[in-house]
C-alpha atoms as a PDB file:
ATOM      1  CA  MET A   1      -0.184   0.480  -0.189  1.00  0.00           C
ATOM      2  CA  ASN A   2       1.008   3.136  -1.564  1.00  0.00           C
ATOM      3  CA  ASP A   3       1.399   6.640   1.019  1.00  0.00           C
ATOM      4  CA  LEU A   4      -1.060   7.969  -0.816  1.00  0.00           C
ATOM      5  CA  ASP A   5      -3.599   4.897   0.378  1.00  0.00           C
ATOM      6  CA  THR A   6      -2.451   5.257   3.559  1.00  0.00           C
ATOM      7  CA  ALA A   7      -3.494   8.796   3.543  1.00  0.00           C
ATOM      8  CA  THR A   8      -6.695   8.044   2.357  1.00  0.00           C
ATOM      9  CA  GLN A   9      -7.124   5.340   4.905  1.00  0.00           C
ATOM     10  CA  LEU A  10      -6.476   7.835   7.510  1.00  0.00           C
ATOM     11  CA  ALA A  11      -7.882  10.893   6.579  1.00  0.00           C
ATOM     12  CA  TYR A  12     -11.115   9.751   4.826  1.00  0.00           C
ATOM     13  CA  THR A  13     -13.788  10.686   7.143  1.00  0.00           C
ATOM     14  CA  THR A  14     -16.734  10.541   4.727  1.00  0.00           C
ATOM     15  CA  ALA A  15     -18.266  11.169   1.056  1.00  0.00           C
ATOM     16  CA  ALA A  16     -21.831  12.695  -0.255  1.00  0.00           C
ATOM     17  CA  GLU A  17     -24.009  13.245  -2.500  1.00  0.00           C
ATOM     18  CA  ILE A  18     -23.021  17.489  -2.799  1.00  0.00           C
ATOM     19  CA  LEU A  19     -25.148  19.355  -6.110  1.00  0.00           C
ATOM     20  CA  GLU A  20     -25.484  15.905  -7.549  1.00  0.00           C
ATOM     21  CA  ASP A  21     -21.899  15.566  -7.964  1.00  0.00           C
ATOM     22  CA  ARG A  22     -20.024  12.971  -5.608  1.00  0.00           C
ATOM     23  CA  VAL A  23     -17.971  15.048  -3.046  1.00  0.00           C
ATOM     24  CA  THR A  24     -15.265  13.105  -0.957  1.00  0.00           C
ATOM     25  CA  GLU A  25     -13.517  14.733   2.496  1.00  0.00           C
ATOM     26  CA  TRP A  26     -10.949  13.661   3.999  1.00  0.00           C
ATOM     27  CA  CYS A  27     -10.497  15.805   7.424  1.00  0.00           C
ATOM     28  CA  GLY A  28      -7.517  15.983  10.519  1.00  0.00           C
ATOM     29  CA  THR A  29      -5.759  17.764  12.833  1.00  0.00           C
ATOM     30  CA  THR A  30      -2.307  18.254  13.109  1.00  0.00           C
ATOM     31  CA  GLN A  31       0.162  17.306  16.159  1.00  0.00           C
ATOM     32  CA  LEU A  32      -0.579  20.819  17.754  1.00  0.00           C
ATOM     33  CA  GLU A  33      -4.336  19.769  17.384  1.00  0.00           C
ATOM     34  CA  VAL A  34      -4.775  22.320  14.257  1.00  0.00           C
ATOM     35  CA  SER A  35      -7.954  21.040  12.195  1.00  0.00           C
ATOM     36  CA  TRP A  36      -7.843  21.112   8.875  1.00  0.00           C
ATOM     37  CA  LYS A  37     -10.388  19.392   5.657  1.00  0.00           C
ATOM     38  CA  ILE A  38     -10.284  18.640   2.041  1.00  0.00           C
ATOM     39  CA  HIS A  39     -13.353  18.802  -0.004  1.00  0.00           C
ATOM     40  CA  ASN A  40     -12.931  17.054  -3.556  1.00  0.00           C
ATOM     41  CA  GLY A  41     -15.507  18.928  -6.447  1.00  0.00           C
ATOM     42  CA  ASP A  42     -15.616  21.657  -8.371  1.00  0.00           C
ATOM     43  CA  ALA A  43     -14.586  25.050  -6.369  1.00  0.00           C
ATOM     44  CA  CYS A  44     -18.259  26.634  -7.196  1.00  0.00           C
ATOM     45  CA  SER A  45     -20.240  23.622  -6.477  1.00  0.00           C
ATOM     46  CA  VAL A  46     -18.518  22.976  -2.724  1.00  0.00           C
ATOM     47  CA  LEU A  47     -18.773  26.266  -2.083  1.00  0.00           C
ATOM     48  CA  LYS A  48     -22.492  26.262  -2.088  1.00  0.00           C
ATOM     49  CA  THR A  49     -22.692  23.581   0.552  1.00  0.00           C
ATOM     50  CA  LEU A  50     -20.223  26.190   3.489  1.00  0.00           C
ATOM     51  CA  SER A  51     -21.576  27.688   5.889  1.00  0.00           C
ATOM     52  CA  ALA A  52     -21.851  31.173   5.593  1.00  0.00           C
ATOM     53  CA  ASP A  53     -19.138  33.997   7.078  1.00  0.00           C
ATOM     54  CA  THR A  54     -17.376  31.047   8.291  1.00  0.00           C
ATOM     55  CA  TYR A  55     -13.588  31.938   6.746  1.00  0.00           C
ATOM     56  CA  ASN A  56     -11.044  34.960   8.071  1.00  0.00           C
ATOM     57  CA  CYS A  57      -8.939  35.036   4.942  1.00  0.00           C
ATOM     58  CA  ILE A  58      -8.914  32.546   1.728  1.00  0.00           C
ATOM     59  CA  VAL A  59      -5.627  32.411   0.002  1.00  0.00           C
ATOM     60  CA  THR A  60      -5.893  31.297  -3.779  1.00  0.00           C
ATOM     61  CA  SER A  61      -4.765  30.617  -7.175  1.00  0.00           C
ATOM     62  CA  PRO A  62      -6.479  29.322  -9.752  1.00  0.00           C
ATOM     63  CA  PRO A  63      -6.010  27.962 -12.817  1.00  0.00           C
ATOM     64  CA  TYR A  64      -4.535  30.565 -15.068  1.00  0.00           C
ATOM     65  CA  TYR A  65      -6.680  30.633 -18.679  1.00  0.00           C
ATOM     66  CA  TRP A  66      -4.818  28.465 -20.882  1.00  0.00           C
ATOM     67  CA  LEU A  67      -1.099  27.757 -19.805  1.00  0.00           C
ATOM     68  CA  ARG A  68      -2.286  24.265 -17.747  1.00  0.00           C
ATOM     69  CA  ASP A  69      -3.555  20.678 -18.189  1.00  0.00           C
ATOM     70  CA  TYR A  70      -3.973  19.331 -15.034  1.00  0.00           C
ATOM     71  CA  GLU A  71      -5.776  16.623 -16.765  1.00  0.00           C
ATOM     72  CA  VAL A  72      -8.986  16.802 -15.080  1.00  0.00           C
ATOM     73  CA  SER A  73     -12.962  16.881 -16.132  1.00  0.00           C
ATOM     74  CA  GLY A  74     -14.553  19.832 -15.099  1.00  0.00           C
ATOM     75  CA  GLN A  75     -11.001  21.673 -14.530  1.00  0.00           C
ATOM     76  CA  LEU A  76     -11.129  25.572 -15.274  1.00  0.00           C
ATOM     77  CA  GLY A  77      -8.796  27.078 -17.729  1.00  0.00           C
ATOM     78  CA  GLN A  78      -9.573  25.916 -20.749  1.00  0.00           C
ATOM     79  CA  GLU A  79     -13.119  28.101 -22.043  1.00  0.00           C
ATOM     80  CA  ASP A  80     -13.673  28.684 -25.304  1.00  0.00           C
ATOM     81  CA  THR A  81     -13.608  32.726 -24.854  1.00  0.00           C
ATOM     82  CA  VAL A  82     -11.842  34.872 -22.321  1.00  0.00           C
ATOM     83  CA  ASP A  83     -15.464  36.223 -21.013  1.00  0.00           C
ATOM     84  CA  GLN A  84     -16.270  32.411 -20.241  1.00  0.00           C
ATOM     85  CA  TYR A  85     -13.310  31.849 -18.493  1.00  0.00           C
ATOM     86  CA  VAL A  86     -14.122  35.544 -16.183  1.00  0.00           C
ATOM     87  CA  GLU A  87     -17.153  35.011 -15.816  1.00  0.00           C
ATOM     88  CA  ALA A  88     -16.364  31.361 -14.056  1.00  0.00           C
ATOM     89  CA  ILE A  89     -13.588  32.684 -11.804  1.00  0.00           C
ATOM     90  CA  ALA A  90     -16.314  35.216 -10.694  1.00  0.00           C
ATOM     91  CA  ASN A  91     -18.703  33.352 -10.327  1.00  0.00           C
ATOM     92  CA  THR A  92     -16.998  31.084  -7.434  1.00  0.00           C
ATOM     93  CA  MET A  93     -15.775  34.344  -5.825  1.00  0.00           C
ATOM     94  CA  ASP A  94     -19.624  34.899  -5.485  1.00  0.00           C
ATOM     95  CA  GLU A  95     -19.522  32.221  -3.276  1.00  0.00           C
ATOM     96  CA  ALA A  96     -16.435  32.721  -1.789  1.00  0.00           C
ATOM     97  CA  ARG A  97     -17.703  36.060  -0.740  1.00  0.00           C
ATOM     98  CA  ARG A  98     -20.713  34.420   0.876  1.00  0.00           C
ATOM     99  CA  VAL A  99     -18.109  32.087   2.784  1.00  0.00           C
ATOM    100  CA  LEU A 100     -15.863  35.049   4.333  1.00  0.00           C
ATOM    101  CA  THR A 101     -16.133  36.314   7.076  1.00  0.00           C
ATOM    102  CA  ASN A 102     -17.403  40.105   7.221  1.00  0.00           C
ATOM    103  CA  ASP A 103     -14.299  41.224   7.999  1.00  0.00           C
ATOM    104  CA  GLY A 104     -12.475  38.478   6.099  1.00  0.00           C
ATOM    105  CA  VAL A 105      -9.878  39.627   3.263  1.00  0.00           C
ATOM    106  CA  LEU A 106      -9.300  37.462  -0.021  1.00  0.00           C
ATOM    107  CA  PHE A 107      -6.005  37.281  -1.701  1.00  0.00           C
ATOM    108  CA  LEU A 108      -6.500  36.049  -5.100  1.00  0.00           C
ATOM    109  CA  ASN A 109      -3.310  35.722  -7.192  1.00  0.00           C
ATOM    110  CA  LEU A 110      -3.468  35.137 -11.439  1.00  0.00           C
ATOM    111  CA  GLY A 111      -1.648  35.247 -13.946  1.00  0.00           C
ATOM    112  CA  ASP A 112      -1.791  36.734 -17.783  1.00  0.00           C
ATOM    113  CA  THR A 113      -1.955  34.951 -21.082  1.00  0.00           C
ATOM    114  CA  TYR A 114      -1.050  36.300 -24.432  1.00  0.00           C
ATOM    115  CA  TYR A 115      -3.284  35.303 -27.620  1.00  0.00           C
ATOM    116  CA  SER A 116      -1.220  34.204 -30.412  1.00  0.00           C
ATOM    117  CA  GLY A 117      -3.891  33.887 -32.670  1.00  0.00           C
ATOM    118  CA  LYS A 118      -1.365  31.660 -35.064  1.00  0.00           C
ATOM    119  CA  GLY A 119      -3.578  28.842 -36.046  1.00  0.00           C
ATOM    120  CA  LEU A 120      -1.127  25.905 -35.085  1.00  0.00           C
ATOM    121  CA  PRO A 121      -0.721  23.655 -32.196  1.00  0.00           C
ATOM    122  CA  LYS A 122       1.210  24.343 -29.035  1.00  0.00           C
ATOM    123  CA  GLY A 123       4.080  22.420 -29.266  1.00  0.00           C
ATOM    124  CA  PRO A 124       5.905  20.836 -25.872  1.00  0.00           C
ATOM    125  CA  ASP A 125       7.087  23.336 -23.307  1.00  0.00           C
ATOM    126  CA  PRO A 126      10.256  21.904 -21.908  1.00  0.00           C
ATOM    127  CA  LYS A 127       9.745  23.949 -18.574  1.00  0.00           C
ATOM    128  CA  SER A 128       6.761  22.368 -17.840  1.00  0.00           C
ATOM    129  CA  ARG A 129       5.088  18.579 -18.375  1.00  0.00           C
ATOM    130  CA  LYS A 130       1.605  20.764 -17.538  1.00  0.00           C
ATOM    131  CA  ARG A 131       2.042  23.639 -20.745  1.00  0.00           C
ATOM    132  CA  ARG A 132      -1.326  22.349 -23.327  1.00  0.00           C
ATOM    133  CA  LEU A 133      -1.054  20.556 -26.240  1.00  0.00           C
ATOM    134  CA  GLY A 134      -2.873  20.831 -28.827  1.00  0.00           C
ATOM    135  CA  LEU A 135      -5.003  23.768 -30.753  1.00  0.00           C
ATOM    136  CA  ARG A 136      -5.855  25.721 -27.568  1.00  0.00           C
ATOM    137  CA  ALA A 137      -8.607  28.605 -28.191  1.00  0.00           C
ATOM    138  CA  VAL A 138      -5.822  31.345 -27.919  1.00  0.00           C
ATOM    139  CA  ASP A 139      -4.485  30.149 -30.826  1.00  0.00           C
ATOM    140  CA  LYS A 140      -7.491  29.742 -32.911  1.00  0.00           C
ATOM    141  CA  GLY A 141      -7.897  33.002 -34.940  1.00  0.00           C
ATOM    142  CA  GLY A 142     -11.082  35.550 -34.888  1.00  0.00           C
ATOM    143  CA  GLY A 143      -9.544  37.394 -31.336  1.00  0.00           C
ATOM    144  CA  LEU A 144     -11.149  35.226 -29.236  1.00  0.00           C
ATOM    145  CA  GLY A 145     -14.398  37.183 -29.910  1.00  0.00           C
ATOM    146  CA  ILE A 146     -13.231  40.136 -28.049  1.00  0.00           C
ATOM    147  CA  GLY A 147     -11.156  41.686 -31.339  1.00  0.00           C
ATOM    148  CA  LEU A 148      -7.992  40.755 -29.859  1.00  0.00           C
ATOM    149  CA  ARG A 149      -4.738  41.446 -32.533  1.00  0.00           C
ATOM    150  CA  PRO A 150      -1.981  38.209 -32.144  1.00  0.00           C
ATOM    151  CA  LYS A 151       0.484  38.507 -29.864  1.00  0.00           C
ATOM    152  CA  THR A 152      -1.989  41.201 -27.521  1.00  0.00           C
ATOM    153  CA  ILE A 153      -1.432  39.875 -24.167  1.00  0.00           C
ATOM    154  CA  ILE A 154      -5.260  39.820 -22.727  1.00  0.00           C
ATOM    155  CA  GLY A 155      -5.364  41.145 -19.499  1.00  0.00           C
ATOM    156  CA  ILE A 156      -6.791  38.337 -17.850  1.00  0.00           C
ATOM    157  CA  PRO A 157      -5.732  39.465 -14.254  1.00  0.00           C
ATOM    158  CA  TRP A 158      -7.790  42.735 -14.300  1.00  0.00           C
ATOM    159  CA  ARG A 159     -10.632  41.439 -16.111  1.00  0.00           C
ATOM    160  CA  VAL A 160     -11.145  38.866 -13.190  1.00  0.00           C
ATOM    161  CA  ALA A 161     -10.793  41.946 -10.764  1.00  0.00           C
ATOM    162  CA  THR A 162     -13.042  44.514 -12.749  1.00  0.00           C
ATOM    163  CA  GLU A 163     -16.241  41.453 -12.793  1.00  0.00           C
ATOM    164  CA  MET A 164     -15.185  41.066  -9.376  1.00  0.00           C
ATOM    165  CA  THR A 165     -15.830  44.995  -7.953  1.00  0.00           C
ATOM    166  CA  GLN A 166     -19.051  45.004 -10.571  1.00  0.00           C
ATOM    167  CA  ARG A 167     -20.778  41.976  -8.212  1.00  0.00           C
ATOM    168  CA  GLY A 168     -20.000  43.303  -4.511  1.00  0.00           C
ATOM    169  CA  TRP A 169     -15.989  43.011  -4.092  1.00  0.00           C
ATOM    170  CA  VAL A 170     -14.082  45.884  -2.655  1.00  0.00           C
ATOM    171  CA  LEU A 171     -11.128  45.873  -4.673  1.00  0.00           C
ATOM    172  CA  ARG A 172      -8.510  47.201  -2.120  1.00  0.00           C
ATOM    173  CA  SER A 173      -5.028  46.871  -3.164  1.00  0.00           C
ATOM    174  CA  PRO A 174      -3.196  45.254  -6.110  1.00  0.00           C
ATOM    175  CA  ILE A 175      -0.553  43.316  -5.068  1.00  0.00           C
ATOM    176  CA  ILE A 176       2.873  43.313  -7.303  1.00  0.00           C
ATOM    177  CA  TRP A 177       4.454  39.759  -7.172  1.00  0.00           C
ATOM    178  CA  TYR A 178       7.495  40.288  -8.274  1.00  0.00           C
ATOM    179  CA  ARG A 179       8.876  36.254  -9.069  1.00  0.00           C
ATOM    180  CA  LYS A 180      12.523  36.636  -8.344  1.00  0.00           C
ATOM    181  CA  HIS A 181      14.389  34.321  -9.892  1.00  0.00           C
ATOM    182  CA  SER A 182      12.243  32.460 -11.845  1.00  0.00           C
ATOM    183  CA  LEU A 183      12.540  30.420 -15.487  1.00  0.00           C
ATOM    184  CA  PRO A 184      13.055  33.391 -17.798  1.00  0.00           C
ATOM    185  CA  GLU A 185      10.623  33.112 -20.917  1.00  0.00           C
ATOM    186  CA  LYS A 186      11.870  32.597 -24.051  1.00  0.00           C
ATOM    187  CA  VAL A 187      10.775  35.760 -26.284  1.00  0.00           C
ATOM    188  CA  LEU A 188      13.407  38.183 -27.736  1.00  0.00           C
ATOM    189  CA  ASP A 189      11.356  41.284 -28.841  1.00  0.00           C
ATOM    190  CA  ARG A 190       9.199  42.400 -25.758  1.00  0.00           C
ATOM    191  CA  PRO A 191      10.422  42.149 -22.146  1.00  0.00           C
ATOM    192  CA  ARG A 192       9.850  38.992 -20.624  1.00  0.00           C
ATOM    193  CA  ARG A 193       6.898  39.062 -17.879  1.00  0.00           C
ATOM    194  CA  THR A 194       8.462  38.480 -13.808  1.00  0.00           C
ATOM    195  CA  TYR A 195       5.817  39.223 -11.739  1.00  0.00           C
ATOM    196  CA  GLU A 196       2.403  38.273 -11.290  1.00  0.00           C
ATOM    197  CA  ASN A 197      -0.732  40.058  -9.501  1.00  0.00           C
ATOM    198  CA  ILE A 198      -2.070  39.216  -5.699  1.00  0.00           C
ATOM    199  CA  PHE A 199      -5.485  40.986  -5.851  1.00  0.00           C
ATOM    200  CA  MET A 200      -6.432  41.589  -1.975  1.00  0.00           C
ATOM    201  CA  PHE A 201     -10.182  42.070  -1.871  1.00  0.00           C
ATOM    202  CA  VAL A 202     -12.478  42.372   1.096  1.00  0.00           C
ATOM    203  CA  LYS A 203     -16.472  42.135   1.504  1.00  0.00           C
ATOM    204  CA  SER A 204     -17.108  45.526   4.661  1.00  0.00           C
ATOM    205  CA  ARG A 205     -15.211  48.498   5.058  1.00  0.00           C
ATOM    206  CA  ASN A 206     -14.037  47.028   8.061  1.00  0.00           C
ATOM    207  CA  TYR A 207     -11.361  44.084   8.388  1.00  0.00           C
ATOM    208  CA  TYR A 208      -8.882  42.869   9.530  1.00  0.00           C
ATOM    209  CA  PHE A 209      -5.377  44.124   8.013  1.00  0.00           C
ATOM    210  CA  ASN A 210      -1.946  43.588  10.096  1.00  0.00           C
ATOM    211  CA  ARG A 211       0.907  46.060   8.730  1.00  0.00           C
ATOM    212  CA  LYS A 212       3.361  45.305  11.229  1.00  0.00           C
ATOM    213  CA  PRO A 213       4.959  42.443   8.959  1.00  0.00           C
ATOM    214  CA  LEU A 214       5.369  45.255   5.452  1.00  0.00           C
ATOM    215  CA  VAL A 215       6.994  47.562   7.587  1.00  0.00           C
ATOM    216  CA  ASP A 216       9.215  45.084   9.066  1.00  0.00           C
ATOM    217  CA  ALA A 217       9.996  43.496   5.641  1.00  0.00           C
ATOM    218  CA  ASN A 218       9.566  47.134   4.105  1.00  0.00           C
ATOM    219  CA  GLU A 219       7.392  46.292   0.652  1.00  0.00           C
ATOM    220  CA  GLU A 220       4.473  47.659   0.837  1.00  0.00           C
ATOM    221  CA  ASP A 221       2.273  46.686  -2.885  1.00  0.00           C
ATOM    222  CA  LEU A 222       5.615  45.190  -4.644  1.00  0.00           C
ATOM    223  CA  TRP A 223       6.347  41.863  -3.056  1.00  0.00           C
ATOM    224  CA  THR A 224      10.041  40.142  -3.657  1.00  0.00           C
ATOM    225  CA  ILE A 225       9.309  36.424  -3.228  1.00  0.00           C
ATOM    226  CA  VAL A 226      12.062  34.048  -4.713  1.00  0.00           C
ATOM    227  CA  ALA A 227       9.618  31.814  -7.199  1.00  0.00           C
ATOM    228  CA  ARG A 228      11.041  28.746  -5.608  1.00  0.00           C
ATOM    229  CA  PRO A 229       7.732  26.495  -4.084  1.00  0.00           C
ATOM    230  CA  GLU A 230       7.713  23.698  -1.776  1.00  0.00           C
ATOM    231  CA  LEU A 231       8.123  20.136  -4.363  1.00  0.00           C
ATOM    232  CA  THR A 232       5.877  18.207  -4.623  1.00  0.00           C
ATOM    233  CA  ASN A 233       7.026  15.013  -5.437  1.00  0.00           C
ATOM    234  CA  GLY A 234       5.934  14.903  -9.106  1.00  0.00           C
ATOM    235  CA  ILE A 235       2.601  15.425  -8.695  1.00  0.00           C
ATOM    236  CA  ASN A 236       1.177  17.968 -11.654  1.00  0.00           C
ATOM    237  CA  THR A 237       0.335  21.562 -10.302  1.00  0.00           C
ATOM    238  CA  ALA A 238       1.273  24.820 -10.215  1.00  0.00           C
ATOM    239  CA  PRO A 239       2.202  25.534  -6.737  1.00  0.00           C
ATOM    240  CA  PHE A 240       3.059  29.519  -5.252  1.00  0.00           C
ATOM    241  CA  PRO A 241       6.337  29.737  -2.786  1.00  0.00           C
ATOM    242  CA  ASP A 242       5.012  29.102   1.236  1.00  0.00           C
ATOM    243  CA  GLU A 243       6.550  32.655   1.793  1.00  0.00           C
ATOM    244  CA  LEU A 244       4.017  34.241  -0.980  1.00  0.00           C
ATOM    245  CA  VAL A 245       0.759  32.707   1.503  1.00  0.00           C
ATOM    246  CA  GLN A 246       2.700  33.312   4.871  1.00  0.00           C
ATOM    247  CA  ARG A 247       2.810  37.020   3.421  1.00  0.00           C
ATOM    248  CA  CYS A 248      -0.888  37.084   3.295  1.00  0.00           C
ATOM    249  CA  LEU A 249      -2.021  35.823   6.156  1.00  0.00           C
ATOM    250  CA  ASP A 250       0.301  38.028   8.210  1.00  0.00           C
ATOM    251  CA  ILE A 251      -1.031  40.641   7.009  1.00  0.00           C
ATOM    252  CA  GLY A 252      -5.061  39.690   6.356  1.00  0.00           C
ATOM    253  CA  CYS A 253      -5.734  36.545   8.577  1.00  0.00           C
ATOM    254  CA  PRO A 254      -6.266  37.073  12.822  1.00  0.00           C
ATOM    255  CA  THR A 255      -3.282  34.558  14.413  1.00  0.00           C
ATOM    256  CA  TYR A 256      -5.904  31.569  15.729  1.00  0.00           C
ATOM    257  CA  GLY A 257      -8.196  32.499  11.897  1.00  0.00           C
ATOM    258  CA  SER A 258      -9.501  30.110   9.319  1.00  0.00           C
ATOM    259  CA  VAL A 259      -8.352  29.844   5.970  1.00  0.00           C
ATOM    260  CA  LEU A 260      -9.758  28.596   3.128  1.00  0.00           C
ATOM    261  CA  ASP A 261      -8.044  27.710  -0.486  1.00  0.00           C
ATOM    262  CA  PRO A 262     -11.169  26.837  -2.988  1.00  0.00           C
ATOM    263  CA  PHE A 263      -8.523  25.787  -5.669  1.00  0.00           C
ATOM    264  CA  ALA A 264      -5.889  23.544  -3.601  1.00  0.00           C
ATOM    265  CA  GLY A 265      -3.949  22.904  -6.076  1.00  0.00           C
ATOM    266  CA  GLY A 266      -0.762  20.838  -4.289  1.00  0.00           C
ATOM    267  CA  GLY A 267      -2.065  21.965  -0.638  1.00  0.00           C
ATOM    268  CA  THR A 268       0.544  24.779  -0.099  1.00  0.00           C
ATOM    269  CA  THR A 269      -2.199  27.638   1.686  1.00  0.00           C
ATOM    270  CA  LEU A 270      -3.366  24.561   3.967  1.00  0.00           C
ATOM    271  CA  ARG A 271       0.666  23.415   4.457  1.00  0.00           C
ATOM    272  CA  VAL A 272       1.313  27.210   5.419  1.00  0.00           C
ATOM    273  CA  ALA A 273      -1.877  27.614   7.368  1.00  0.00           C
ATOM    274  CA  VAL A 274      -2.072  24.221   9.633  1.00  0.00           C
ATOM    275  CA  ARG A 275       1.630  25.092  10.369  1.00  0.00           C
ATOM    276  CA  SER A 276       1.121  28.379  11.735  1.00  0.00           C
ATOM    277  CA  GLY A 277      -1.614  27.337  13.810  1.00  0.00           C
ATOM    278  CA  ARG A 278      -4.384  28.519  11.689  1.00  0.00           C
ATOM    279  CA  ALA A 279      -7.257  25.855  11.173  1.00  0.00           C
ATOM    280  CA  ALA A 280      -7.162  25.203   7.183  1.00  0.00           C
ATOM    281  CA  THR A 281      -9.811  24.270   4.724  1.00  0.00           C
ATOM    282  CA  GLY A 282      -8.968  23.582   0.947  1.00  0.00           C
ATOM    283  CA  ILE A 283     -11.042  22.486  -2.190  1.00  0.00           C
ATOM    284  CA  GLU A 284      -9.913  20.875  -4.983  1.00  0.00           C
ATOM    285  CA  LEU A 285     -11.454  18.824  -8.402  1.00  0.00           C
ATOM    286  CA  ASN A 286      -8.359  16.239  -8.933  1.00  0.00           C
ATOM    287  CA  PRO A 287      -8.790  13.211  -6.410  1.00  0.00           C
ATOM    288  CA  GLU A 288      -5.040  12.359  -6.566  1.00  0.00           C
ATOM    289  CA  PHE A 289      -4.278  16.192  -5.461  1.00  0.00           C
ATOM    290  CA  CYS A 290      -6.216  16.157  -2.399  1.00  0.00           C
ATOM    291  CA  LYS A 291      -4.448  12.138  -1.552  1.00  0.00           C
ATOM    292  CA  TYR A 292      -1.039  14.289  -1.275  1.00  0.00           C
ATOM    293  CA  ILE A 293      -2.318  17.099   0.553  1.00  0.00           C
ATOM    294  CA  ALA A 294      -4.001  14.714   2.610  1.00  0.00           C
ATOM    295  CA  ASN A 295      -0.883  12.406   2.937  1.00  0.00           C
ATOM    296  CA  GLN A 296       1.210  15.446   3.745  1.00  0.00           C
ATOM    297  CA  LEU A 297      -0.937  17.114   6.492  1.00  0.00           C
ATOM    298  CA  SER A 298      -1.484  13.848   8.050  1.00  0.00           C
ATOM    299  CA  LYS A 299       2.191  14.165   8.783  1.00  0.00           C
ATOM    300  CA  LEU A 300       2.106  17.529  10.605  1.00  0.00           C
END
């Protein structure tokens, strides 16, 4: 029996019918009695089953638009149009806002995508086996239905952020994450990208915020954090670094607050949260990722 099967037996608690989808749940506590839970299922669907005003902080990074294939049916990021992708993310964030406490904070990490319009399949990427193969929506002609010309960066993060503000979110700060020492892009006709967006959203005028970690780091809305996440033993994820999650929790979550990641991936948010003494809940569509997270958390 391998470690993932063992973790499944140790952490598995129940399976329930949720919105006509079978959602498997794992839960446990660390040696310091910090609780954690993982739901296997579609993020938006599972969020609808969770109680309102529950989580103090959400730290998450949804799948980017046509940049990864996580090899699971129903994954986000493969929509035919930009508008469909923006709507899918915004719909999920609607439910995230409902389960966030009134004084809670959301940190949303989103990357951007270029429109090529070449009409050719994307070949293998030596940097990552998670890169899409085949003809992607961003490779097709027609400007993605919004009149884009080839070589245009789509502006995905700000399209999502703008849609979320129109649905009631308050965008308090767009944070730039400078991905220090990240693998360089292989482009010669424009500057190579070195940053991603972290959007800090809240749902009310009064919310938890601790400025001291920013003062101590001598950084405000430009965060220099090495893009070197913890290894995930070969599972097909695109994790962000522990330091990034810790920074978000330090400034946006009470010491013994509860944390949610509706796109848990390899479990970075959950692991960092419980190590800091905060209860954590994750939602992940890929059952193999859930087993991996449960195995890792069961060791803490």
